[in-house]
Amino acid sequence: MSVNLLEIVQQNLGYPALQKIDPNTLKVSEEVETPDEDKFSQAAIPAVLTALCEFGQTDQGAADILQNDGSTNWINKIFDDNKKEAVQTIAAYAKESNGDPIEKMNAIATEAIKAAKENLAADAAVKDVKTFFTEQKNNILLYLPAELNVGEMLHDDSLDDGTNKMEGPVSSVIKNIGDTFSSSATGEEKTKIKTDKEKTVEDYY
């Protein structure tokens, strides 16, 4: 993986470096406990990017990302019916009281999509978007606090599994097996997407 989407978003938005999650405790290591003022980014960046990765694995989601005009409310789209829970959980984890967490989370999603498109070819298709986010997913999960229960919100409990916090050759094999099953389970029929020109998903292949 030559592009580190999580790091790009963190740096471009001026957030502090994130801490990896201990695979045993499923929390930030006690040795590098995250200060309260940094907890929002520790929770929001990996949570939003995880949701974006899942969203980008569907035909419709990948097509929406390609069509992004910069004005989309991405938190509504990627968390769908669990948007309110996602915002409240992240705000509670971060003890966030300054600013609008939805606005900040949307900024993270918008920056991630901007960075993704900058690293995709000009003629990128739906399959290229899916590949890009698949390649980013394992790195993002290393930083996702399990106590946020993002997997439950996204209807994929495996996202909070401790194996996703592990690094090394063995963990890579386990993750790859999981990704294979996940991608086969989330495949969906190509559906039409409404645009001024009545394009269909097929137009992006």
N, C-alpha and C. Protein backbone atom coordinates (compact mmCIF):
# COMPACT_ATOMS: atom_id res chain seq x y z
N MET A 1 0.85 -1.18 0.00
CA MET A 1 0.00 0.00 0.00
C MET A 1 0.89 1.23 0.00
N SER A 2 0.98 1.92 -1.11
CA SER A 2 1.85 3.08 -1.22
C SER A 2 1.19 4.34 -0.66
N VAL A 3 -0.13 4.37 -0.63
CA VAL A 3 -0.87 5.53 -0.14
C VAL A 3 -1.46 5.20 1.22
N ASN A 4 -1.25 6.08 2.18
CA ASN A 4 -1.81 5.88 3.52
C ASN A 4 -2.90 6.92 3.71
N LEU A 5 -4.14 6.52 3.41
CA LEU A 5 -5.26 7.46 3.44
C LEU A 5 -5.47 8.05 4.83
N LEU A 6 -5.38 7.23 5.85
CA LEU A 6 -5.59 7.71 7.21
C LEU A 6 -4.59 8.81 7.56
N GLU A 7 -3.35 8.60 7.21
CA GLU A 7 -2.30 9.58 7.53
C GLU A 7 -2.50 10.86 6.72
N ILE A 8 -2.89 10.72 5.47
CA ILE A 8 -3.12 11.90 4.63
C ILE A 8 -4.22 12.78 5.21
N VAL A 9 -5.33 12.15 5.61
CA VAL A 9 -6.45 12.90 6.18
C VAL A 9 -6.04 13.55 7.49
N GLN A 10 -5.36 12.80 8.33
CA GLN A 10 -4.91 13.34 9.63
C GLN A 10 -4.02 14.56 9.44
N GLN A 11 -3.09 14.47 8.53
CA GLN A 11 -2.15 15.58 8.31
C GLN A 11 -2.81 16.76 7.60
N ASN A 12 -3.61 16.49 6.59
CA ASN A 12 -4.24 17.57 5.83
C ASN A 12 -5.22 18.40 6.67
N LEU A 13 -5.86 17.74 7.65
CA LEU A 13 -6.81 18.45 8.50
C LEU A 13 -6.18 18.96 9.80
N GLY A 14 -4.88 18.75 9.94
CA GLY A 14 -4.16 19.30 11.09
C GLY A 14 -4.40 18.59 12.40
N TYR A 15 -4.78 17.30 12.35
CA TYR A 15 -4.98 16.54 13.59
C TYR A 15 -3.66 15.91 14.02
N PRO A 16 -3.52 15.59 15.31
CA PRO A 16 -2.30 14.93 15.79
C PRO A 16 -2.24 13.49 15.27
N ALA A 17 -1.03 12.92 15.26
CA ALA A 17 -0.87 11.54 14.82
C ALA A 17 -1.71 10.61 15.67
N LEU A 18 -2.33 9.61 15.03
CA LEU A 18 -3.19 8.67 15.75
C LEU A 18 -2.37 7.54 16.36
N GLN A 19 -2.95 6.90 17.37
CA GLN A 19 -2.29 5.78 18.04
C GLN A 19 -2.93 4.47 17.60
N LYS A 20 -2.09 3.44 17.43
CA LYS A 20 -2.62 2.13 17.08
C LYS A 20 -3.28 1.49 18.31
N ILE A 21 -4.23 0.63 18.03
CA ILE A 21 -4.98 -0.04 19.11
C ILE A 21 -4.26 -1.33 19.51
N ASP A 22 -4.15 -1.54 20.79
CA ASP A 22 -3.54 -2.76 21.32
C ASP A 22 -4.45 -3.94 21.00
N PRO A 23 -3.97 -4.96 20.28
CA PRO A 23 -4.82 -6.09 19.90
C PRO A 23 -5.30 -6.94 21.08
N ASN A 24 -4.67 -6.78 22.23
CA ASN A 24 -5.06 -7.55 23.41
C ASN A 24 -6.16 -6.86 24.21
N THR A 25 -6.01 -5.55 24.41
CA THR A 25 -7.00 -4.81 25.19
C THR A 25 -8.05 -4.15 24.31
N LEU A 26 -7.76 -4.04 22.99
CA LEU A 26 -8.63 -3.37 22.01
C LEU A 26 -8.81 -1.89 22.33
N LYS A 27 -7.83 -1.34 23.04
CA LYS A 27 -7.83 0.08 23.36
C LYS A 27 -6.46 0.66 23.03
N VAL A 28 -6.37 1.99 23.04
CA VAL A 28 -5.08 2.63 22.87
C VAL A 28 -4.17 2.16 24.00
N SER A 29 -2.93 1.84 23.66
CA SER A 29 -1.99 1.36 24.67
C SER A 29 -1.90 2.33 25.84
N GLU A 30 -1.85 1.79 27.06
CA GLU A 30 -1.75 2.64 28.24
C GLU A 30 -0.46 3.45 28.24
N GLU A 31 0.56 2.96 27.55
CA GLU A 31 1.84 3.65 27.51
C GLU A 31 1.76 4.93 26.67
N VAL A 32 0.79 4.98 25.76
CA VAL A 32 0.65 6.16 24.90
C VAL A 32 -0.80 6.64 24.96
N GLU A 33 -1.36 6.68 26.14
CA GLU A 33 -2.75 7.06 26.32
C GLU A 33 -3.03 8.40 25.64
N THR A 34 -4.11 8.43 24.87
CA THR A 34 -4.45 9.62 24.10
C THR A 34 -4.99 10.72 25.00
N PRO A 35 -4.41 11.93 24.93
CA PRO A 35 -4.94 13.06 25.71
C PRO A 35 -6.38 13.34 25.30
N ASP A 36 -7.16 13.88 26.22
CA ASP A 36 -8.57 14.16 25.92
C ASP A 36 -8.74 15.02 24.68
N GLU A 37 -7.86 16.01 24.49
CA GLU A 37 -8.01 16.91 23.35
C GLU A 37 -7.75 16.23 22.01
N ASP A 38 -7.14 15.04 22.04
CA ASP A 38 -6.85 14.31 20.81
C ASP A 38 -7.82 13.16 20.55
N LYS A 39 -8.74 12.93 21.47
CA LYS A 39 -9.60 11.75 21.38
C LYS A 39 -10.61 11.85 20.23
N PHE A 40 -10.99 13.05 19.85
CA PHE A 40 -11.95 13.16 18.75
C PHE A 40 -11.36 12.58 17.47
N SER A 41 -10.17 13.00 17.13
CA SER A 41 -9.55 12.50 15.89
C SER A 41 -9.23 11.02 15.99
N GLN A 42 -8.84 10.54 17.19
CA GLN A 42 -8.56 9.12 17.37
C GLN A 42 -9.80 8.28 17.10
N ALA A 43 -10.96 8.81 17.43
CA ALA A 43 -12.20 8.08 17.20
C ALA A 43 -12.77 8.36 15.82
N ALA A 44 -12.86 9.63 15.47
CA ALA A 44 -13.59 10.03 14.26
C ALA A 44 -12.89 9.64 12.96
N ILE A 45 -11.59 9.82 12.88
CA ILE A 45 -10.91 9.53 11.61
C ILE A 45 -11.02 8.05 11.23
N PRO A 46 -10.60 7.11 12.09
CA PRO A 46 -10.74 5.70 11.70
C PRO A 46 -12.19 5.25 11.56
N ALA A 47 -13.10 5.80 12.37
CA ALA A 47 -14.51 5.39 12.28
C ALA A 47 -15.11 5.84 10.95
N VAL A 48 -14.88 7.09 10.60
CA VAL A 48 -15.42 7.61 9.33
C VAL A 48 -14.78 6.90 8.14
N LEU A 49 -13.48 6.67 8.19
CA LEU A 49 -12.80 6.00 7.07
C LEU A 49 -13.22 4.53 6.96
N THR A 50 -13.47 3.89 8.09
CA THR A 50 -13.97 2.50 8.04
C THR A 50 -15.34 2.46 7.36
N ALA A 51 -16.21 3.38 7.75
CA ALA A 51 -17.54 3.44 7.15
C ALA A 51 -17.44 3.75 5.66
N LEU A 52 -16.49 4.60 5.30
CA LEU A 52 -16.30 4.96 3.89
C LEU A 52 -15.79 3.76 3.10
N CYS A 53 -14.91 2.97 3.71
CA CYS A 53 -14.40 1.76 3.05
C CYS A 53 -15.54 0.78 2.78
N GLU A 54 -16.41 0.59 3.76
CA GLU A 54 -17.55 -0.31 3.58
C GLU A 54 -18.50 0.23 2.51
N PHE A 55 -18.76 1.51 2.55
CA PHE A 55 -19.64 2.15 1.57
C PHE A 55 -19.06 2.02 0.17
N GLY A 56 -17.75 2.19 0.06
CA GLY A 56 -17.09 2.14 -1.25
C GLY A 56 -16.98 0.75 -1.84
N GLN A 57 -17.37 -0.28 -1.07
CA GLN A 57 -17.35 -1.64 -1.60
C GLN A 57 -18.62 -2.00 -2.35
N THR A 58 -19.63 -1.15 -2.28
CA THR A 58 -20.85 -1.40 -3.04
C THR A 58 -20.77 -0.66 -4.37
N ASP A 59 -21.49 -1.16 -5.37
CA ASP A 59 -21.49 -0.50 -6.68
C ASP A 59 -22.00 0.94 -6.57
N GLN A 60 -23.11 1.10 -5.85
CA GLN A 60 -23.70 2.43 -5.72
C GLN A 60 -22.78 3.37 -4.96
N GLY A 61 -22.18 2.87 -3.88
CA GLY A 61 -21.29 3.70 -3.08
C GLY A 61 -20.07 4.15 -3.86
N ALA A 62 -19.45 3.22 -4.59
CA ALA A 62 -18.28 3.56 -5.39
C ALA A 62 -18.63 4.59 -6.46
N ALA A 63 -19.80 4.44 -7.07
CA ALA A 63 -20.24 5.39 -8.09
C ALA A 63 -20.49 6.77 -7.47
N ASP A 64 -21.06 6.79 -6.26
CA ASP A 64 -21.29 8.06 -5.57
C ASP A 64 -19.97 8.77 -5.28
N ILE A 65 -18.97 8.01 -4.91
CA ILE A 65 -17.65 8.59 -4.63
C ILE A 65 -17.06 9.19 -5.90
N LEU A 66 -17.21 8.51 -7.02
CA LEU A 66 -16.70 9.04 -8.30
C LEU A 66 -17.43 10.32 -8.69
N GLN A 67 -18.69 10.42 -8.34
CA GLN A 67 -19.49 11.58 -8.72
C GLN A 67 -19.41 12.73 -7.74
N ASN A 68 -18.70 12.54 -6.63
CA ASN A 68 -18.68 13.53 -5.55
C ASN A 68 -18.46 14.95 -6.06
N ASP A 69 -19.36 15.84 -5.64
CA ASP A 69 -19.23 17.24 -6.05
C ASP A 69 -18.82 18.14 -4.89
N GLY A 70 -18.47 17.52 -3.76
CA GLY A 70 -17.99 18.29 -2.62
C GLY A 70 -19.07 18.79 -1.69
N SER A 71 -20.35 18.57 -2.03
CA SER A 71 -21.43 19.08 -1.19
C SER A 71 -22.24 17.98 -0.52
N THR A 72 -21.83 16.75 -0.68
CA THR A 72 -22.57 15.62 -0.13
C THR A 72 -22.45 15.54 1.39
N ASN A 73 -23.55 15.21 2.06
CA ASN A 73 -23.50 14.94 3.49
C ASN A 73 -23.11 13.47 3.64
N TRP A 74 -21.82 13.22 3.72
CA TRP A 74 -21.32 11.84 3.70
C TRP A 74 -21.66 11.06 4.95
N ILE A 75 -21.78 11.71 6.09
CA ILE A 75 -22.10 10.99 7.31
C ILE A 75 -23.48 10.35 7.21
N ASN A 76 -24.42 11.06 6.60
CA ASN A 76 -25.75 10.47 6.37
C ASN A 76 -25.65 9.25 5.47
N LYS A 77 -24.83 9.34 4.44
CA LYS A 77 -24.73 8.26 3.45
C LYS A 77 -24.01 7.03 4.01
N ILE A 78 -22.86 7.24 4.61
CA ILE A 78 -22.03 6.08 4.97
C ILE A 78 -22.48 5.38 6.26
N PHE A 79 -23.12 6.12 7.16
CA PHE A 79 -23.64 5.48 8.38
C PHE A 79 -25.13 5.18 8.27
N ASP A 80 -25.79 5.78 7.31
CA ASP A 80 -27.19 5.50 7.00
C ASP A 80 -28.07 5.59 8.26
N ASP A 81 -28.76 4.51 8.59
CA ASP A 81 -29.71 4.55 9.70
C ASP A 81 -29.05 4.66 11.07
N ASN A 82 -27.74 4.50 11.14
CA ASN A 82 -27.03 4.60 12.41
C ASN A 82 -26.21 5.89 12.52
N LYS A 83 -26.55 6.86 11.69
CA LYS A 83 -25.81 8.13 11.70
C LYS A 83 -25.84 8.79 13.07
N LYS A 84 -27.02 8.89 13.68
CA LYS A 84 -27.15 9.55 14.97
C LYS A 84 -26.32 8.84 16.03
N GLU A 85 -26.39 7.51 16.04
CA GLU A 85 -25.63 6.73 17.02
C GLU A 85 -24.13 6.92 16.82
N ALA A 86 -23.69 6.95 15.55
CA ALA A 86 -22.26 7.13 15.26
C ALA A 86 -21.75 8.46 15.78
N VAL A 87 -22.49 9.51 15.52
CA VAL A 87 -22.10 10.85 15.97
C VAL A 87 -22.07 10.92 17.49
N GLN A 88 -23.10 10.40 18.13
CA GLN A 88 -23.18 10.46 19.59
C GLN A 88 -22.07 9.63 20.24
N THR A 89 -21.78 8.45 19.68
CA THR A 89 -20.75 7.58 20.25
C THR A 89 -19.37 8.21 20.15
N ILE A 90 -19.08 8.79 18.99
CA ILE A 90 -17.77 9.43 18.80
C ILE A 90 -17.64 10.67 19.68
N ALA A 91 -18.69 11.45 19.78
CA ALA A 91 -18.67 12.64 20.64
C ALA A 91 -18.48 12.26 22.11
N ALA A 92 -19.13 11.17 22.54
CA ALA A 92 -19.01 10.73 23.92
C ALA A 92 -17.60 10.21 24.21
N TYR A 93 -17.04 9.45 23.29
CA TYR A 93 -15.67 8.92 23.44
C TYR A 93 -14.68 10.07 23.58
N ALA A 94 -14.91 11.10 22.79
CA ALA A 94 -13.98 12.23 22.75
C ALA A 94 -14.28 13.29 23.80
N LYS A 95 -15.41 13.11 24.51
CA LYS A 95 -15.86 14.15 25.45
C LYS A 95 -15.91 15.49 24.71
N GLU A 96 -16.40 15.41 23.47
CA GLU A 96 -16.41 16.56 22.57
C GLU A 96 -17.47 17.56 22.97
N SER A 97 -17.05 18.80 23.18
CA SER A 97 -18.00 19.86 23.53
C SER A 97 -17.80 21.11 22.67
N ASN A 98 -16.75 21.09 21.86
CA ASN A 98 -16.45 22.26 21.02
C ASN A 98 -16.75 21.96 19.56
N GLY A 99 -17.58 22.79 18.95
CA GLY A 99 -17.88 22.62 17.54
C GLY A 99 -18.92 21.56 17.27
N ASP A 100 -19.24 21.42 16.02
CA ASP A 100 -20.26 20.47 15.58
C ASP A 100 -19.58 19.18 15.13
N PRO A 101 -19.79 18.05 15.85
CA PRO A 101 -19.12 16.80 15.46
C PRO A 101 -19.52 16.32 14.07
N ILE A 102 -20.77 16.58 13.66
CA ILE A 102 -21.20 16.16 12.33
C ILE A 102 -20.41 16.91 11.26
N GLU A 103 -20.23 18.20 11.47
CA GLU A 103 -19.47 19.00 10.52
C GLU A 103 -18.03 18.52 10.43
N LYS A 104 -17.44 18.20 11.58
CA LYS A 104 -16.06 17.72 11.59
C LYS A 104 -15.94 16.35 10.93
N MET A 105 -16.92 15.49 11.18
CA MET A 105 -16.89 14.16 10.57
C MET A 105 -17.10 14.23 9.07
N ASN A 106 -17.96 15.14 8.63
CA ASN A 106 -18.14 15.32 7.19
C ASN A 106 -16.87 15.85 6.55
N ALA A 107 -16.15 16.70 7.26
CA ALA A 107 -14.89 17.23 6.73
C ALA A 107 -13.88 16.10 6.55
N ILE A 108 -13.87 15.14 7.48
CA ILE A 108 -12.97 13.99 7.37
C ILE A 108 -13.32 13.16 6.15
N ALA A 109 -14.61 12.88 5.96
CA ALA A 109 -15.05 12.08 4.82
C ALA A 109 -14.74 12.80 3.51
N THR A 110 -15.02 14.09 3.46
CA THR A 110 -14.78 14.86 2.24
C THR A 110 -13.30 14.88 1.89
N GLU A 111 -12.45 15.06 2.89
CA GLU A 111 -11.00 15.08 2.66
C GLU A 111 -10.51 13.71 2.20
N ALA A 112 -11.08 12.65 2.77
CA ALA A 112 -10.69 11.29 2.38
C ALA A 112 -11.05 11.01 0.93
N ILE A 113 -12.23 11.44 0.52
CA ILE A 113 -12.66 11.21 -0.86
C ILE A 113 -11.83 12.05 -1.83
N LYS A 114 -11.53 13.26 -1.42
CA LYS A 114 -10.67 14.11 -2.24
C LYS A 114 -9.31 13.44 -2.44
N ALA A 115 -8.72 12.93 -1.35
CA ALA A 115 -7.42 12.28 -1.43
C ALA A 115 -7.49 11.01 -2.27
N ALA A 116 -8.58 10.26 -2.12
CA ALA A 116 -8.74 9.03 -2.89
C ALA A 116 -8.79 9.33 -4.38
N LYS A 117 -9.56 10.33 -4.76
CA LYS A 117 -9.70 10.67 -6.17
C LYS A 117 -8.40 11.22 -6.75
N GLU A 118 -7.62 11.88 -5.92
CA GLU A 118 -6.32 12.39 -6.38
C GLU A 118 -5.35 11.24 -6.66
N ASN A 119 -5.59 10.11 -6.01
CA ASN A 119 -4.71 8.95 -6.20
C ASN A 119 -5.30 7.89 -7.13
N LEU A 120 -6.43 8.21 -7.74
CA LEU A 120 -7.02 7.34 -8.74
C LEU A 120 -6.80 7.96 -10.12
N ALA A 121 -6.78 7.14 -11.12
CA ALA A 121 -6.62 7.64 -12.50
C ALA A 121 -7.82 8.48 -12.89
N ALA A 122 -7.62 9.37 -13.85
CA ALA A 122 -8.70 10.25 -14.29
C ALA A 122 -9.88 9.47 -14.83
N ASP A 123 -9.61 8.30 -15.39
CA ASP A 123 -10.67 7.47 -15.96
C ASP A 123 -11.03 6.31 -15.03
N ALA A 124 -10.82 6.50 -13.74
CA ALA A 124 -11.10 5.43 -12.77
C ALA A 124 -12.55 4.98 -12.85
N ALA A 125 -12.74 3.68 -12.64
CA ALA A 125 -14.08 3.08 -12.68
C ALA A 125 -14.47 2.59 -11.29
N VAL A 126 -15.69 2.11 -11.17
CA VAL A 126 -16.20 1.60 -9.89
C VAL A 126 -15.24 0.57 -9.29
N LYS A 127 -14.75 -0.34 -10.11
CA LYS A 127 -13.87 -1.39 -9.61
C LYS A 127 -12.57 -0.82 -9.04
N ASP A 128 -12.12 0.31 -9.58
CA ASP A 128 -10.89 0.94 -9.09
C ASP A 128 -11.12 1.57 -7.71
N VAL A 129 -12.30 2.13 -7.52
CA VAL A 129 -12.65 2.70 -6.21
C VAL A 129 -12.69 1.58 -5.17
N LYS A 130 -13.32 0.46 -5.52
CA LYS A 130 -13.42 -0.67 -4.60
C LYS A 130 -12.03 -1.18 -4.21
N THR A 131 -11.15 -1.29 -5.20
CA THR A 131 -9.79 -1.78 -4.94
C THR A 131 -9.05 -0.82 -4.03
N PHE A 132 -9.17 0.47 -4.29
CA PHE A 132 -8.47 1.47 -3.48
C PHE A 132 -8.87 1.36 -2.02
N PHE A 133 -10.17 1.31 -1.75
CA PHE A 133 -10.62 1.28 -0.36
C PHE A 133 -10.36 -0.07 0.31
N THR A 134 -10.36 -1.15 -0.47
CA THR A 134 -10.01 -2.45 0.08
C THR A 134 -8.57 -2.45 0.57
N GLU A 135 -7.69 -1.82 -0.20
CA GLU A 135 -6.27 -1.76 0.16
C GLU A 135 -6.03 -0.88 1.40
N GLN A 136 -6.91 0.05 1.66
CA GLN A 136 -6.76 0.95 2.80
C GLN A 136 -7.32 0.37 4.10
N LYS A 137 -8.28 -0.51 3.97
CA LYS A 137 -9.07 -0.96 5.11
C LYS A 137 -8.25 -1.54 6.26
N ASN A 138 -7.34 -2.47 5.97
CA ASN A 138 -6.59 -3.12 7.05
C ASN A 138 -5.77 -2.14 7.86
N ASN A 139 -5.18 -1.15 7.20
CA ASN A 139 -4.40 -0.15 7.92
C ASN A 139 -5.30 0.71 8.81
N ILE A 140 -6.46 1.09 8.31
CA ILE A 140 -7.39 1.93 9.07
C ILE A 140 -7.86 1.22 10.34
N LEU A 141 -8.15 -0.07 10.23
CA LEU A 141 -8.66 -0.82 11.38
C LEU A 141 -7.65 -0.94 12.52
N LEU A 142 -6.38 -0.76 12.23
CA LEU A 142 -5.35 -0.80 13.27
C LEU A 142 -5.55 0.33 14.29
N TYR A 143 -6.25 1.38 13.87
CA TYR A 143 -6.41 2.58 14.71
C TYR A 143 -7.83 2.75 15.25
N LEU A 144 -8.73 1.84 14.91
CA LEU A 144 -10.14 1.97 15.27
C LEU A 144 -10.42 1.41 16.67
N PRO A 145 -10.78 2.27 17.65
CA PRO A 145 -11.11 1.77 18.98
C PRO A 145 -12.33 0.85 18.94
N ALA A 146 -12.18 -0.37 19.44
CA ALA A 146 -13.28 -1.34 19.40
C ALA A 146 -14.48 -0.88 20.22
N GLU A 147 -14.23 -0.06 21.25
CA GLU A 147 -15.32 0.36 22.14
C GLU A 147 -16.32 1.28 21.43
N LEU A 148 -15.99 1.76 20.24
CA LEU A 148 -16.94 2.56 19.48
C LEU A 148 -18.04 1.70 18.87
N ASN A 149 -17.78 0.39 18.76
CA ASN A 149 -18.75 -0.55 18.17
C ASN A 149 -19.16 -0.15 16.75
N VAL A 150 -18.16 0.27 15.98
CA VAL A 150 -18.43 0.66 14.59
C VAL A 150 -18.91 -0.54 13.77
N GLY A 151 -18.39 -1.71 14.07
CA GLY A 151 -18.81 -2.90 13.36
C GLY A 151 -20.30 -3.14 13.49
N GLU A 152 -20.82 -2.95 14.69
CA GLU A 152 -22.26 -3.12 14.91
C GLU A 152 -23.05 -2.08 14.13
N MET A 153 -22.57 -0.85 14.11
CA MET A 153 -23.26 0.21 13.36
C MET A 153 -23.31 -0.07 11.87
N LEU A 154 -22.23 -0.70 11.37
CA LEU A 154 -22.13 -0.97 9.93
C LEU A 154 -22.58 -2.39 9.58
N HIS A 155 -23.12 -3.09 10.57
CA HIS A 155 -23.65 -4.45 10.37
C HIS A 155 -22.56 -5.43 9.92
N ASP A 156 -21.36 -5.25 10.49
CA ASP A 156 -20.25 -6.15 10.20
C ASP A 156 -19.39 -6.25 11.46
N ASP A 157 -19.73 -7.18 12.35
CA ASP A 157 -19.06 -7.29 13.64
C ASP A 157 -17.57 -7.61 13.51
N SER A 158 -17.16 -8.15 12.37
CA SER A 158 -15.75 -8.52 12.20
C SER A 158 -14.83 -7.30 12.23
N LEU A 159 -15.39 -6.12 11.98
CA LEU A 159 -14.57 -4.90 11.95
C LEU A 159 -13.96 -4.60 13.32
N ASP A 160 -14.60 -5.05 14.39
CA ASP A 160 -14.11 -4.77 15.74
C ASP A 160 -13.30 -5.93 16.31
N ASP A 161 -13.06 -6.95 15.51
CA ASP A 161 -12.33 -8.13 15.97
C ASP A 161 -10.86 -7.78 16.24
N GLY A 162 -10.30 -8.41 17.26
CA GLY A 162 -8.92 -8.15 17.64
C GLY A 162 -7.91 -8.48 16.56
N THR A 163 -8.22 -9.42 15.67
CA THR A 163 -7.26 -9.76 14.61
C THR A 163 -6.99 -8.58 13.69
N ASN A 164 -7.92 -7.65 13.63
CA ASN A 164 -7.73 -6.47 12.78
C ASN A 164 -6.77 -5.46 13.40
N LYS A 165 -6.39 -5.68 14.66
CA LYS A 165 -5.44 -4.78 15.33
C LYS A 165 -4.03 -5.38 15.31
N MET A 166 -3.90 -6.58 14.74
CA MET A 166 -2.62 -7.27 14.70
C MET A 166 -1.88 -6.95 13.42
N GLU A 167 -0.54 -6.99 13.51
CA GLU A 167 0.29 -6.78 12.33
C GLU A 167 1.21 -7.97 12.16
N GLY A 168 1.68 -8.18 10.93
CA GLY A 168 2.57 -9.29 10.66
C GLY A 168 1.99 -10.24 9.64
N PRO A 169 2.80 -11.21 9.17
CA PRO A 169 2.36 -12.12 8.10
C PRO A 169 1.16 -12.98 8.45
N VAL A 170 1.08 -13.49 9.68
CA VAL A 170 -0.04 -14.36 10.05
C VAL A 170 -1.34 -13.58 10.06
N SER A 171 -1.29 -12.39 10.65
CA SER A 171 -2.51 -11.58 10.71
C SER A 171 -2.94 -11.17 9.31
N SER A 172 -1.98 -10.97 8.42
CA SER A 172 -2.32 -10.58 7.04
C SER A 172 -3.09 -11.70 6.35
N VAL A 173 -2.69 -12.94 6.59
CA VAL A 173 -3.39 -14.08 5.99
C VAL A 173 -4.82 -14.14 6.50
N ILE A 174 -4.97 -13.97 7.82
CA ILE A 174 -6.31 -14.02 8.43
C ILE A 174 -7.19 -12.92 7.86
N LYS A 175 -6.64 -11.71 7.75
CA LYS A 175 -7.41 -10.58 7.24
C LYS A 175 -7.80 -10.79 5.78
N ASN A 176 -6.88 -11.32 5.00
CA ASN A 176 -7.16 -11.54 3.58
C ASN A 176 -8.30 -12.54 3.39
N ILE A 177 -8.31 -13.57 4.23
CA ILE A 177 -9.40 -14.55 4.17
C ILE A 177 -10.71 -13.87 4.50
N GLY A 178 -10.69 -13.03 5.54
CA GLY A 178 -11.89 -12.30 5.93
C GLY A 178 -12.37 -11.36 4.86
N ASP A 179 -11.43 -10.67 4.21
CA ASP A 179 -11.79 -9.73 3.14
C ASP A 179 -12.43 -10.46 1.97
N THR A 180 -11.94 -11.67 1.68
CA THR A 180 -12.49 -12.44 0.57
C THR A 180 -13.94 -12.78 0.82
N PHE A 181 -14.24 -13.25 2.04
CA PHE A 181 -15.62 -13.59 2.38
C PHE A 181 -16.49 -12.35 2.42
N SER A 182 -15.92 -11.25 2.94
CA SER A 182 -16.69 -10.00 3.04
C SER A 182 -17.06 -9.47 1.68
N SER A 183 -16.10 -9.47 0.75
CA SER A 183 -16.38 -8.91 -0.57
C SER A 183 -17.39 -9.75 -1.32
N SER A 184 -17.37 -11.07 -1.12
CA SER A 184 -18.34 -11.92 -1.82
C SER A 184 -19.72 -11.76 -1.22
N ALA A 185 -19.78 -11.41 0.06
CA ALA A 185 -21.07 -11.28 0.72
C ALA A 185 -21.72 -9.94 0.47
N THR A 186 -20.92 -8.93 0.12
CA THR A 186 -21.50 -7.60 -0.05
C THR A 186 -21.68 -7.23 -1.52
N GLY A 187 -21.37 -8.15 -2.41
CA GLY A 187 -21.59 -7.87 -3.83
C GLY A 187 -23.05 -7.63 -4.09
N GLU A 188 -23.38 -6.68 -4.96
CA GLU A 188 -24.78 -6.39 -5.20
C GLU A 188 -25.00 -6.15 -6.69
N GLU A 189 -26.26 -6.22 -7.05
CA GLU A 189 -26.61 -5.99 -8.44
C GLU A 189 -26.26 -4.57 -8.82
N LYS A 190 -25.86 -4.39 -10.08
CA LYS A 190 -25.59 -3.04 -10.56
C LYS A 190 -26.92 -2.30 -10.69
N THR A 191 -27.01 -1.20 -9.98
CA THR A 191 -28.26 -0.44 -10.01
C THR A 191 -28.05 0.89 -10.68
N LYS A 192 -29.15 1.47 -11.14
CA LYS A 192 -29.06 2.76 -11.82
C LYS A 192 -28.86 3.87 -10.81
N ILE A 193 -28.06 4.85 -11.18
CA ILE A 193 -27.89 6.04 -10.36
C ILE A 193 -28.37 7.21 -11.17
N LYS A 194 -29.16 8.05 -10.52
CA LYS A 194 -29.80 9.15 -11.22
C LYS A 194 -28.86 10.35 -11.35
N THR A 195 -28.66 10.80 -12.56
CA THR A 195 -27.89 12.01 -12.81
C THR A 195 -28.62 12.77 -13.89
N ASP A 196 -28.10 13.95 -14.21
CA ASP A 196 -28.73 14.76 -15.25
C ASP A 196 -28.76 14.01 -16.58
N LYS A 197 -27.77 13.12 -16.78
CA LYS A 197 -27.70 12.39 -18.04
C LYS A 197 -28.22 10.98 -17.91
N GLU A 198 -28.88 10.69 -16.76
CA GLU A 198 -29.42 9.36 -16.50
C GLU A 198 -28.36 8.26 -16.70
N LYS A 199 -27.18 8.49 -16.13
CA LYS A 199 -26.12 7.48 -16.23
C LYS A 199 -26.46 6.28 -15.37
N THR A 200 -25.91 5.15 -15.71
CA THR A 200 -26.05 3.95 -14.88
C THR A 200 -24.67 3.60 -14.37
N VAL A 201 -24.63 2.70 -13.42
CA VAL A 201 -23.35 2.29 -12.85
C VAL A 201 -22.43 1.74 -13.94
N GLU A 202 -23.01 1.08 -14.94
CA GLU A 202 -22.22 0.51 -16.02
C GLU A 202 -21.35 1.56 -16.72
N ASP A 203 -21.81 2.82 -16.70
CA ASP A 203 -21.06 3.88 -17.37
C ASP A 203 -19.71 4.13 -16.72
N TYR A 204 -19.54 3.66 -15.48
CA TYR A 204 -18.30 3.93 -14.77
C TYR A 204 -17.34 2.76 -14.85
N TYR A 205 -17.66 1.73 -15.61
CA TYR A 205 -16.76 0.60 -15.76
C TYR A 205 -15.91 0.75 -17.01
